[in-house]
C-alpha atoms as a PDB file:
ATOM      1  CA  MET A   1       0.000   0.000   0.000  1.00  0.00           C
ATOM      2  CA  GLY A   2       2.909   2.353   0.689  1.00  0.00           C
ATOM      3  CA  ASP A   3       3.823   2.810  -2.978  1.00  0.00           C
ATOM      4  CA  ASN A   4       0.252   3.629  -4.060  1.00  0.00           C
ATOM      5  CA  LEU A   5      -0.766   7.204  -4.738  1.00  0.00           C
ATOM      6  CA  LEU A   6      -4.442   6.266  -4.408  1.00  0.00           C
ATOM      7  CA  SER A   7      -5.814   3.275  -2.547  1.00  0.00           C
ATOM      8  CA  ILE A   8      -9.575   2.624  -2.537  1.00  0.00           C
ATOM      9  CA  GLN A   9     -10.495   0.007   0.048  1.00  0.00           C
ATOM     10  CA  ASP A  10     -13.923  -1.685   0.154  1.00  0.00           C
ATOM     11  CA  LEU A  11     -15.554   1.586  -0.843  1.00  0.00           C
ATOM     12  CA  SER A  12     -19.354   1.743  -0.893  1.00  0.00           C
ATOM     13  CA  ALA A  13     -21.308   4.900  -1.645  1.00  0.00           C
ATOM     14  CA  SER A  14     -24.855   6.088  -2.164  1.00  0.00           C
ATOM     15  CA  ILE A  15     -26.889   9.000  -3.464  1.00  0.00           C
ATOM     16  CA  GLY A  16     -29.620   9.637  -0.942  1.00  0.00           C
ATOM     17  CA  ASP A  17     -31.074   6.238  -0.071  1.00  0.00           C
ATOM     18  CA  LYS A  18     -29.890   4.589  -3.284  1.00  0.00           C
ATOM     19  CA  ALA A  19     -26.717   2.494  -2.997  1.00  0.00           C
ATOM     20  CA  ILE A  20     -24.541   2.891  -6.109  1.00  0.00           C
ATOM     21  CA  LEU A  21     -21.031   1.611  -5.329  1.00  0.00           C
ATOM     22  CA  HIS A  22     -20.387  -1.706  -3.626  1.00  0.00           C
ATOM     23  CA  ASN A  23     -17.045  -2.682  -2.052  1.00  0.00           C
ATOM     24  CA  ILE A  24     -14.790  -1.069  -4.649  1.00  0.00           C
ATOM     25  CA  ASN A  25     -11.077  -1.913  -4.345  1.00  0.00           C
ATOM     26  CA  LEU A  26      -8.585  -0.118  -6.568  1.00  0.00           C
ATOM     27  CA  ASP A  27      -4.919   0.891  -6.244  1.00  0.00           C
ATOM     28  CA  ILE A  28      -3.203   3.439  -8.496  1.00  0.00           C
ATOM     29  CA  LYS A  29       0.537   4.042  -8.337  1.00  0.00           C
ATOM     30  CA  PRO A  30       2.286   7.334  -9.173  1.00  0.00           C
ATOM     31  CA  GLY A  31       2.435   7.901 -12.919  1.00  0.00           C
ATOM     32  CA  GLU A  32      -0.045   5.180 -13.820  1.00  0.00           C
ATOM     33  CA  ILE A  33      -2.959   5.567 -16.215  1.00  0.00           C
ATOM     34  CA  HIS A  34      -6.055   3.564 -15.316  1.00  0.00           C
ATOM     35  CA  VAL A  35      -9.172   3.380 -17.474  1.00  0.00           C
ATOM     36  CA  LEU A  36     -12.655   2.782 -16.074  1.00  0.00           C
ATOM     37  CA  MET A  37     -15.283   1.471 -18.490  1.00  0.00           C
ATOM     38  CA  GLY A  38     -18.737  -0.019 -18.192  1.00  0.00           C
ATOM     39  CA  PRO A  39     -22.348   0.186 -19.398  1.00  0.00           C
ATOM     40  CA  ASN A  40     -24.499   3.268 -18.822  1.00  0.00           C
ATOM     41  CA  GLY A  41     -25.524   3.621 -15.183  1.00  0.00           C
ATOM     42  CA  ALA A  42     -22.744   1.334 -13.953  1.00  0.00           C
ATOM     43  CA  GLY A  43     -21.413   3.817 -11.388  1.00  0.00           C
ATOM     44  CA  LYS A  44     -18.430   5.273 -13.270  1.00  0.00           C
ATOM     45  CA  SER A  45     -19.199   8.943 -12.656  1.00  0.00           C
ATOM     46  CA  THR A  46     -20.339   8.168  -9.111  1.00  0.00           C
ATOM     47  CA  LEU A  47     -16.883   6.806  -8.335  1.00  0.00           C
ATOM     48  CA  GLY A  48     -15.287   9.957  -9.731  1.00  0.00           C
ATOM     49  CA  TYR A  49     -17.539  12.271  -7.714  1.00  0.00           C
ATOM     50  CA  THR A  50     -17.052  10.194  -4.570  1.00  0.00           C
ATOM     51  CA  LEU A  51     -13.263  10.367  -4.913  1.00  0.00           C
ATOM     52  CA  MET A  52     -13.516  14.145  -5.339  1.00  0.00           C
ATOM     53  CA  GLY A  53     -15.718  14.507  -2.254  1.00  0.00           C
ATOM     54  CA  ASN A  54     -18.942  15.725  -3.867  1.00  0.00           C
ATOM     55  CA  PRO A  55     -21.310  16.202  -0.872  1.00  0.00           C
ATOM     56  CA  ASP A  56     -24.230  14.614  -2.777  1.00  0.00           C
ATOM     57  CA  TYR A  57     -22.403  11.268  -2.711  1.00  0.00           C
ATOM     58  CA  HIS A  58     -22.147   9.612   0.686  1.00  0.00           C
ATOM     59  CA  VAL A  59     -19.532   7.034   1.639  1.00  0.00           C
ATOM     60  CA  THR A  60     -21.347   4.233   3.445  1.00  0.00           C
ATOM     61  CA  GLY A  61     -18.385   1.904   3.885  1.00  0.00           C
ATOM     62  CA  GLY A  62     -14.657   1.541   3.305  1.00  0.00           C
ATOM     63  CA  LYS A  63     -12.089   4.296   2.932  1.00  0.00           C
ATOM     64  CA  ILE A  64     -10.002   6.324   0.489  1.00  0.00           C
ATOM     65  CA  LEU A  65      -6.272   6.765   1.033  1.00  0.00           C
ATOM     66  CA  PHE A  66      -4.365   9.381  -0.943  1.00  0.00           C
ATOM     67  CA  ASP A  67      -0.615   9.751  -0.715  1.00  0.00           C
ATOM     68  CA  GLY A  68      -0.721   7.564   2.401  1.00  0.00           C
ATOM     69  CA  GLU A  69      -3.365   9.707   4.154  1.00  0.00           C
ATOM     70  CA  ASP A  70      -6.978   8.767   4.877  1.00  0.00           C
ATOM     71  CA  ILE A  71      -9.045  11.406   3.044  1.00  0.00           C
ATOM     72  CA  THR A  72     -12.427   9.673   3.336  1.00  0.00           C
ATOM     73  CA  ASP A  73     -13.886  12.520   5.401  1.00  0.00           C
ATOM     74  CA  PHE A  74     -12.066  15.381   3.656  1.00  0.00           C
ATOM     75  CA  GLY A  75     -14.075  18.080   1.899  1.00  0.00           C
ATOM     76  CA  THR A  76     -13.705  18.749  -1.821  1.00  0.00           C
ATOM     77  CA  ASP A  77     -11.503  21.817  -1.313  1.00  0.00           C
ATOM     78  CA  LYS A  78      -9.077  19.949   0.912  1.00  0.00           C
ATOM     79  CA  ARG A  79      -8.832  17.091  -1.597  1.00  0.00           C
ATOM     80  CA  ALA A  80      -8.093  19.600  -4.355  1.00  0.00           C
ATOM     81  CA  LYS A  81      -5.303  21.120  -2.274  1.00  0.00           C
ATOM     82  CA  LYS A  82      -3.886  17.635  -1.745  1.00  0.00           C
ATOM     83  CA  GLY A  83      -3.598  17.310  -5.534  1.00  0.00           C
ATOM     84  CA  ILE A  84      -6.820  15.682  -6.803  1.00  0.00           C
ATOM     85  CA  PHE A  85      -8.524  17.055  -9.914  1.00  0.00           C
ATOM     86  CA  LEU A  86     -11.843  16.159 -11.549  1.00  0.00           C
ATOM     87  CA  SER A  87     -12.870  17.198 -15.049  1.00  0.00           C
ATOM     88  CA  PHE A  88     -16.621  17.338 -15.509  1.00  0.00           C
ATOM     89  CA  GLN A  89     -18.592  15.346 -18.055  1.00  0.00           C
ATOM     90  CA  ASP A  90     -20.698  18.471 -18.611  1.00  0.00           C
ATOM     91  CA  PRO A  91     -18.663  21.534 -17.499  1.00  0.00           C
ATOM     92  CA  LEU A  92     -20.649  24.259 -15.786  1.00  0.00           C
ATOM     93  CA  GLU A  93     -21.026  27.793 -17.117  1.00  0.00           C
ATOM     94  CA  VAL A  94     -20.017  30.458 -14.587  1.00  0.00           C
ATOM     95  CA  PRO A  95     -20.997  34.019 -15.592  1.00  0.00           C
ATOM     96  CA  GLY A  96     -19.027  36.869 -14.057  1.00  0.00           C
ATOM     97  CA  ILE A  97     -15.625  35.217 -13.744  1.00  0.00           C
ATOM     98  CA  SER A  98     -13.207  34.848 -16.626  1.00  0.00           C
ATOM     99  CA  LEU A  99     -11.458  31.602 -17.503  1.00  0.00           C
ATOM    100  CA  GLU A 100      -8.093  33.239 -16.786  1.00  0.00           C
ATOM    101  CA  SER A 101      -9.203  34.595 -13.412  1.00  0.00           C
ATOM    102  CA  PHE A 102     -10.713  31.253 -12.417  1.00  0.00           C
ATOM    103  CA  ILE A 103      -7.526  29.343 -13.211  1.00  0.00           C
ATOM    104  CA  ARG A 104      -5.268  31.891 -11.512  1.00  0.00           C
ATOM    105  CA  THR A 105      -7.414  31.923  -8.364  1.00  0.00           C
ATOM    106  CA  SER A 106      -7.519  28.116  -8.307  1.00  0.00           C
ATOM    107  CA  LEU A 107      -3.759  27.928  -8.801  1.00  0.00           C
ATOM    108  CA  GLN A 108      -3.222  30.367  -5.945  1.00  0.00           C
ATOM    109  CA  GLN A 109      -5.407  28.223  -3.683  1.00  0.00           C
ATOM    110  CA  VAL A 110      -3.479  24.990  -4.337  1.00  0.00           C
ATOM    111  CA  SER A 111      -0.009  26.548  -4.595  1.00  0.00           C
ATOM    112  CA  THR A 112       2.337  27.196  -1.677  1.00  0.00           C
ATOM    113  CA  GLU A 113       3.962  30.064  -3.592  1.00  0.00           C
ATOM    114  CA  LYS A 114       2.590  33.352  -4.870  1.00  0.00           C
ATOM    115  CA  VAL A 115       1.434  33.166  -8.477  1.00  0.00           C
ATOM    116  CA  LYS A 116       3.247  35.866 -10.449  1.00  0.00           C
ATOM    117  CA  LEU A 117       1.011  37.471 -13.055  1.00  0.00           C
ATOM    118  CA  MET A 118       3.381  37.663 -16.043  1.00  0.00           C
ATOM    119  CA  SER A 119       4.777  34.138 -15.671  1.00  0.00           C
ATOM    120  CA  PHE A 120       1.225  32.882 -15.210  1.00  0.00           C
ATOM    121  CA  LYS A 121       0.063  34.596 -18.408  1.00  0.00           C
ATOM    122  CA  ARG A 122       2.969  33.134 -20.390  1.00  0.00           C
ATOM    123  CA  ALA A 123       2.273  29.637 -19.094  1.00  0.00           C
ATOM    124  CA  LEU A 124      -1.447  30.049 -19.817  1.00  0.00           C
ATOM    125  CA  GLU A 125      -0.824  31.136 -23.410  1.00  0.00           C
ATOM    126  CA  GLU A 126       1.584  28.235 -23.987  1.00  0.00           C
ATOM    127  CA  ALA A 127      -1.002  25.778 -22.675  1.00  0.00           C
ATOM    128  CA  MET A 128      -3.720  27.351 -24.820  1.00  0.00           C
ATOM    129  CA  ASP A 129      -1.483  27.065 -27.879  1.00  0.00           C
ATOM    130  CA  LEU A 130      -0.978  23.376 -27.133  1.00  0.00           C
ATOM    131  CA  LEU A 131      -4.754  22.950 -27.138  1.00  0.00           C
ATOM    132  CA  SER A 132      -5.281  25.156 -30.213  1.00  0.00           C
ATOM    133  CA  MET A 133      -7.372  27.584 -28.148  1.00  0.00           C
ATOM    134  CA  ASN A 134      -7.790  31.190 -29.172  1.00  0.00           C
ATOM    135  CA  HIS A 135      -6.185  33.385 -26.474  1.00  0.00           C
ATOM    136  CA  ALA A 136      -9.356  35.492 -26.406  1.00  0.00           C
ATOM    137  CA  TYR A 137     -11.094  32.675 -24.548  1.00  0.00           C
ATOM    138  CA  ALA A 138      -9.015  33.527 -21.478  1.00  0.00           C
ATOM    139  CA  GLU A 139     -10.963  36.784 -21.069  1.00  0.00           C
ATOM    140  CA  ARG A 140     -14.395  35.227 -21.592  1.00  0.00           C
ATOM    141  CA  ASP A 141     -16.673  34.163 -18.747  1.00  0.00           C
ATOM    142  CA  LEU A 142     -15.914  30.602 -17.695  1.00  0.00           C
ATOM    143  CA  ASN A 143     -17.503  28.245 -20.271  1.00  0.00           C
ATOM    144  CA  VAL A 144     -20.254  30.761 -21.072  1.00  0.00           C
ATOM    145  CA  GLY A 145     -21.092  30.435 -24.767  1.00  0.00           C
ATOM    146  CA  PHE A 146     -18.312  27.895 -25.259  1.00  0.00           C
ATOM    147  CA  SER A 147     -18.969  25.037 -27.658  1.00  0.00           C
ATOM    148  CA  GLY A 148     -18.859  21.512 -26.282  1.00  0.00           C
ATOM    149  CA  GLY A 149     -15.332  21.102 -27.606  1.00  0.00           C
ATOM    150  CA  GLU A 150     -14.126  24.402 -26.130  1.00  0.00           C
ATOM    151  CA  LYS A 151     -15.591  23.478 -22.730  1.00  0.00           C
ATOM    152  CA  LYS A 152     -13.647  20.223 -22.742  1.00  0.00           C
ATOM    153  CA  LYS A 153     -10.480  22.036 -23.808  1.00  0.00           C
ATOM    154  CA  SER A 154     -11.095  24.463 -20.951  1.00  0.00           C
ATOM    155  CA  GLU A 155     -11.067  21.521 -18.538  1.00  0.00           C
ATOM    156  CA  ILE A 156      -7.780  20.213 -19.945  1.00  0.00           C
ATOM    157  CA  LEU A 157      -6.348  23.740 -19.813  1.00  0.00           C
ATOM    158  CA  GLN A 158      -7.093  23.775 -16.087  1.00  0.00           C
ATOM    159  CA  LEU A 159      -5.421  20.368 -15.778  1.00  0.00           C
ATOM    160  CA  LEU A 160      -2.270  21.651 -17.505  1.00  0.00           C
ATOM    161  CA  MET A 161      -2.115  24.757 -15.341  1.00  0.00           C
ATOM    162  CA  LEU A 162      -2.962  23.222 -11.946  1.00  0.00           C
ATOM    163  CA  LYS A 163      -0.713  20.159 -12.438  1.00  0.00           C
ATOM    164  CA  PRO A 164      -2.438  17.891  -9.876  1.00  0.00           C
ATOM    165  CA  LYS A 165      -0.885  14.652  -8.649  1.00  0.00           C
ATOM    166  CA  PHE A 166      -3.995  12.722  -9.650  1.00  0.00           C
ATOM    167  CA  ALA A 167      -6.602  13.578 -12.289  1.00  0.00           C
ATOM    168  CA  ILE A 168     -10.009  12.004 -12.852  1.00  0.00           C
ATOM    169  CA  LEU A 169     -11.273  12.636 -16.382  1.00  0.00           C
ATOM    170  CA  ASP A 170     -14.998  11.948 -16.599  1.00  0.00           C
ATOM    171  CA  GLU A 171     -15.845  11.283 -20.261  1.00  0.00           C
ATOM    172  CA  THR A 172     -13.784  14.261 -21.391  1.00  0.00           C
ATOM    173  CA  ASP A 173     -13.991  12.934 -24.940  1.00  0.00           C
ATOM    174  CA  SER A 174     -17.794  12.650 -25.105  1.00  0.00           C
ATOM    175  CA  GLY A 175     -19.450  14.728 -27.807  1.00  0.00           C
ATOM    176  CA  LEU A 176     -16.179  15.729 -29.450  1.00  0.00           C
ATOM    177  CA  ASP A 177     -15.256  15.320 -33.099  1.00  0.00           C
ATOM    178  CA  VAL A 178     -12.130  13.423 -34.113  1.00  0.00           C
ATOM    179  CA  ASP A 179      -9.889  16.501 -34.271  1.00  0.00           C
ATOM    180  CA  ALA A 180     -11.022  17.775 -30.858  1.00  0.00           C
ATOM    181  CA  VAL A 181     -10.476  14.358 -29.273  1.00  0.00           C
ATOM    182  CA  ARG A 182      -6.967  14.264 -30.750  1.00  0.00           C
ATOM    183  CA  THR A 183      -6.223  17.719 -29.305  1.00  0.00           C
ATOM    184  CA  VAL A 184      -7.585  16.815 -25.869  1.00  0.00           C
ATOM    185  CA  SER A 185      -5.573  13.578 -25.903  1.00  0.00           C
ATOM    186  CA  LYS A 186      -2.467  15.613 -26.743  1.00  0.00           C
ATOM    187  CA  GLY A 187      -3.136  17.833 -23.737  1.00  0.00           C
ATOM    188  CA  VAL A 188      -3.600  14.860 -21.418  1.00  0.00           C
ATOM    189  CA  LYS A 189      -0.347  13.331 -22.645  1.00  0.00           C
ATOM    190  CA  ALA A 190       1.473  16.642 -22.111  1.00  0.00           C
ATOM    191  CA  TYR A 191       0.115  16.841 -18.545  1.00  0.00           C
ATOM    192  CA  GLN A 192       1.484  13.428 -17.686  1.00  0.00           C
ATOM    193  CA  GLU A 193       4.848  14.058 -19.329  1.00  0.00           C
ATOM    194  CA  MET A 194       5.238  17.363 -17.452  1.00  0.00           C
ATOM    195  CA  THR A 195       4.103  16.168 -14.041  1.00  0.00           C
ATOM    196  CA  GLY A 196       4.339  12.374 -13.917  1.00  0.00           C
ATOM    197  CA  GLY A 197       0.802  12.536 -12.545  1.00  0.00           C
ATOM    198  CA  SER A 198      -1.617   9.617 -12.329  1.00  0.00           C
ATOM    199  CA  LEU A 199      -4.898   9.411 -14.242  1.00  0.00           C
ATOM    200  CA  LEU A 200      -8.234   7.670 -13.905  1.00  0.00           C
ATOM    201  CA  ILE A 201      -9.926   8.051 -17.288  1.00  0.00           C
ATOM    202  CA  ILE A 202     -13.659   7.313 -17.345  1.00  0.00           C
ATOM    203  CA  THR A 203     -14.767   6.747 -20.918  1.00  0.00           C
ATOM    204  CA  HIS A 204     -17.093   4.929 -23.307  1.00  0.00           C
ATOM    205  CA  SER A 205     -14.843   5.654 -26.258  1.00  0.00           C
ATOM    206  CA  THR A 206     -11.175   4.769 -26.687  1.00  0.00           C
ATOM    207  CA  LYS A 207     -10.089   7.503 -29.078  1.00  0.00           C
ATOM    208  CA  ILE A 208      -8.715   9.614 -26.225  1.00  0.00           C
ATOM    209  CA  LEU A 209      -6.478   6.684 -25.223  1.00  0.00           C
ATOM    210  CA  GLU A 210      -4.747   6.252 -28.583  1.00  0.00           C
ATOM    211  CA  SER A 211      -1.684   8.351 -27.687  1.00  0.00           C
ATOM    212  CA  LEU A 212      -1.553   7.219 -24.048  1.00  0.00           C
ATOM    213  CA  LYS A 213       0.016   4.172 -22.422  1.00  0.00           C
ATOM    214  CA  VAL A 214      -2.727   2.547 -20.365  1.00  0.00           C
ATOM    215  CA  ASP A 215      -1.444   0.544 -17.406  1.00  0.00           C
ATOM    216  CA  LYS A 216      -4.704  -0.989 -16.213  1.00  0.00           C
ATOM    217  CA  THR A 217      -8.317  -1.208 -17.342  1.00  0.00           C
ATOM    218  CA  HIS A 218     -11.273  -1.846 -15.046  1.00  0.00           C
ATOM    219  CA  ILE A 219     -14.842  -2.776 -15.904  1.00  0.00           C
ATOM    220  CA  ILE A 220     -17.589  -1.652 -13.537  1.00  0.00           C
ATOM    221  CA  VAL A 221     -21.116  -3.099 -13.648  1.00  0.00           C
ATOM    222  CA  LYS A 222     -23.922  -2.230 -11.224  1.00  0.00           C
ATOM    223  CA  GLY A 223     -21.450  -0.572  -8.863  1.00  0.00           C
ATOM    224  CA  HIS A 224     -19.069  -3.545  -8.750  1.00  0.00           C
ATOM    225  CA  ILE A 225     -15.677  -3.812 -10.440  1.00  0.00           C
ATOM    226  CA  VAL A 226     -16.199  -7.143 -12.182  1.00  0.00           C
ATOM    227  CA  HIS A 227     -12.968  -7.428 -14.142  1.00  0.00           C
ATOM    228  CA  SER A 228      -9.535  -5.780 -14.372  1.00  0.00           C
ATOM    229  CA  GLY A 229      -6.743  -6.193 -16.885  1.00  0.00           C
ATOM    230  CA  ASP A 230      -3.935  -4.371 -18.635  1.00  0.00           C
ATOM    231  CA  GLY A 231      -4.215  -1.896 -21.499  1.00  0.00           C
ATOM    232  CA  SER A 232      -5.081  -4.637 -23.992  1.00  0.00           C
ATOM    233  CA  LEU A 233      -8.453  -5.082 -22.294  1.00  0.00           C
ATOM    234  CA  VAL A 234      -9.560  -1.835 -23.970  1.00  0.00           C
ATOM    235  CA  GLN A 235      -9.208  -3.433 -27.404  1.00  0.00           C
ATOM    236  CA  THR A 236     -11.070  -6.542 -26.233  1.00  0.00           C
ATOM    237  CA  ILE A 237     -13.987  -4.347 -25.130  1.00  0.00           C
ATOM    238  CA  ASN A 238     -13.886  -2.503 -28.461  1.00  0.00           C
ATOM    239  CA  GLU A 239     -14.200  -5.771 -30.342  1.00  0.00           C
ATOM    240  CA  SER A 240     -16.580  -7.737 -28.110  1.00  0.00           C
ATOM    241  CA  GLY A 241     -18.333  -5.314 -25.765  1.00  0.00           C
ATOM    242  CA  PHE A 242     -18.994  -5.761 -22.050  1.00  0.00           C
ATOM    243  CA  ASP A 243     -21.351  -8.730 -22.132  1.00  0.00           C
ATOM    244  CA  GLN A 244     -18.706 -11.399 -21.547  1.00  0.00           C
ATOM    245  CA  PHE A 245     -17.614  -9.646 -18.331  1.00  0.00           C
ATOM    246  CA  ILE A 246     -21.069  -9.203 -16.799  1.00  0.00           C
ATOM    247  CA  PRO A 247     -21.661 -11.860 -14.098  1.00  0.00           C
ATOM    248  CA  GLN A 248     -24.525 -14.265 -14.749  1.00  0.00           C
ATOM    249  CA  GLU A 249     -26.289 -13.263 -11.534  1.00  0.00           C
ATOM    250  CA  VAL A 250     -26.373  -9.660 -12.758  1.00  0.00           C
ATOM    251  CA  LYS A 251     -27.825 -10.744 -16.103  1.00  0.00           C
ATOM    252  CA  ASP A 252     -30.424 -12.877 -14.291  1.00  0.00           C
ATOM    253  CA  ALA A 253     -31.374  -9.975 -12.021  1.00  0.00           C
ATOM    254  CA  GLU A 254     -31.734  -7.623 -14.991  1.00  0.00           C
ATOM    255  CA  ARG A 255     -33.873 -10.179 -16.850  1.00  0.00           C
ATOM    256  CA  LYS A 256     -36.073 -10.604 -13.784  1.00  0.00           C
ATOM    257  CA  ALA A 257     -36.447  -6.826 -13.479  1.00  0.00           C
ATOM    258  CA  ARG A 258     -37.389  -6.521 -17.179  1.00  0.00           C
ATOM    259  CA  LEU A 259     -39.992  -9.283 -16.853  1.00  0.00           C
ATOM    260  CA  ALA A 260     -41.443  -7.662 -13.738  1.00  0.00           C
ATOM    261  CA  ALA A 261     -41.635  -4.299 -15.502  1.00  0.00           C
ATOM    262  CA  ALA A 262     -43.318  -5.885 -18.526  1.00  0.00           C
ATOM    263  CA  ALA A 263     -45.838  -7.688 -16.289  1.00  0.00           C
ATOM    264  CA  LYS A 264     -46.655  -4.459 -14.453  1.00  0.00           C
ATOM    265  CA  ALA A 265     -47.096  -2.604 -17.753  1.00  0.00           C
ATOM    266  CA  ALA A 266     -49.472  -5.326 -18.974  1.00  0.00           C
ATOM    267  CA  MET A 267     -51.506  -5.208 -15.747  1.00  0.00           C
ATOM    268  CA  ASP A 268     -51.685  -1.420 -15.913  1.00  0.00           C
ATOM    269  CA  ALA A 269     -52.887  -1.656 -19.517  1.00  0.00           C
ATOM    270  CA  VAL A 270     -55.606  -4.154 -18.552  1.00  0.00           C
ATOM    271  CA  LYS A 271     -56.674  -1.949 -15.655  1.00  0.00           C
ATOM    272  CA  MET A 272     -56.813   1.103 -17.900  1.00  0.00           C
ATOM    273  CA  ALA A 273     -58.841  -0.780 -20.520  1.00  0.00           C
ATOM    274  CA  SER A 274     -61.274  -1.957 -17.821  1.00  0.00           C
ATOM    275  CA  GLN A 275     -61.714   1.573 -16.514  1.00  0.00           C
ATOM    276  CA  THR A 276     -62.331   2.805 -20.060  1.00  0.00           C
ATOM    277  CA  VAL A 277     -65.012   0.168 -20.626  1.00  0.00           C
ATOM    278  CA  ASP A 278     -66.696   1.048 -17.305  1.00  0.00           C
ATOM    279  CA  PHE A 279     -66.628   4.742 -18.175  1.00  0.00           C
ATOM    280  CA  GLN A 280     -68.097   4.131 -21.625  1.00  0.00           C
ATOM    281  CA  ALA A 281     -70.861   1.944 -20.158  1.00  0.00           C
ATOM    282  CA  GLU A 282     -71.718   4.596 -17.563  1.00  0.00           C
ATOM    283  CA  ALA A 283     -71.750   7.304 -20.213  1.00  0.00           C
ATOM    284  CA  ALA A 284     -74.072   5.244 -22.395  1.00  0.00           C
ATOM    285  CA  ALA A 285     -76.394   4.620 -19.458  1.00  0.00           C
ATOM    286  CA  ILE A 286     -76.554   8.320 -18.613  1.00  0.00           C
ATOM    287  CA  LYS A 287     -77.312   9.160 -22.213  1.00  0.00           C
ATOM    288  CA  ALA A 288     -80.128   6.643 -22.252  1.00  0.00           C
ATOM    289  CA  GLY A 289     -81.601   8.226 -19.137  1.00  0.00           C
ATOM    290  CA  LYS A 290     -81.229   5.093 -17.018  1.00  0.00           C
ATOM    291  CA  THR A 291     -79.137   6.811 -14.303  1.00  0.00           C
ATOM    292  CA  GLU A 292     -79.117  10.285 -12.849  1.00  0.00           C
ATOM    293  CA  ALA A 293     -76.834  12.721 -14.685  1.00  0.00           C
END
């Protein structure tokens, strides 16, 4: 455990009363790239938000160790200062604060040294050039009016500037065209080369991984990590999908749930038809003057 940057031990988490994650175990060493894949609703984003300390996600069991320290009860701001970064699947728009100001303020919060304005501006422009971003975006309100691609580049720009020890990228490549994905992937690669940081990349696609060396791949289904492998597992999923990795008991439970839903829908339809017939009969009787209107 001592050589792990992140160690997730028997982690369970919920949103409200709904349990989402179940006994997750995962270790990530410094400099490693791990990929998390799985069907829709498997719990991928929930794991990312839980690691970042989103207050809507409650840890109900297990613990999270980062850099040898138990951070399970740390707030989001304290985790960020420790060196954890999360890129959003759908970045928020924040009117009234520029992209440049947001990044500089964030950098000042996580840095132990004063952020000098001119050196910051030079570094920001260099990072924007790497991502093929127009420098004018630095003066615009954070993500306001940005295209989907520019929002995702904005997230990677923050990653390049903040240089966290560990970054969680939540479907950063979703909704991007081929050129934008290639640019984002270039930025992610540059981050790791500059910092030696670790990554947990949550994705449905694999285009963002093409220029990266993936150390481990994990498949999550119904809040359980059901299979782990090396980088070659990504190609196996590309070719064959997730079905072969889904436990039979999960498939049986899903089939049972589908049958129950179908049965309920059929019963509701019968009930509705019966009520319609009763209503029509009553209406006919009223019209015939056999009952009081």
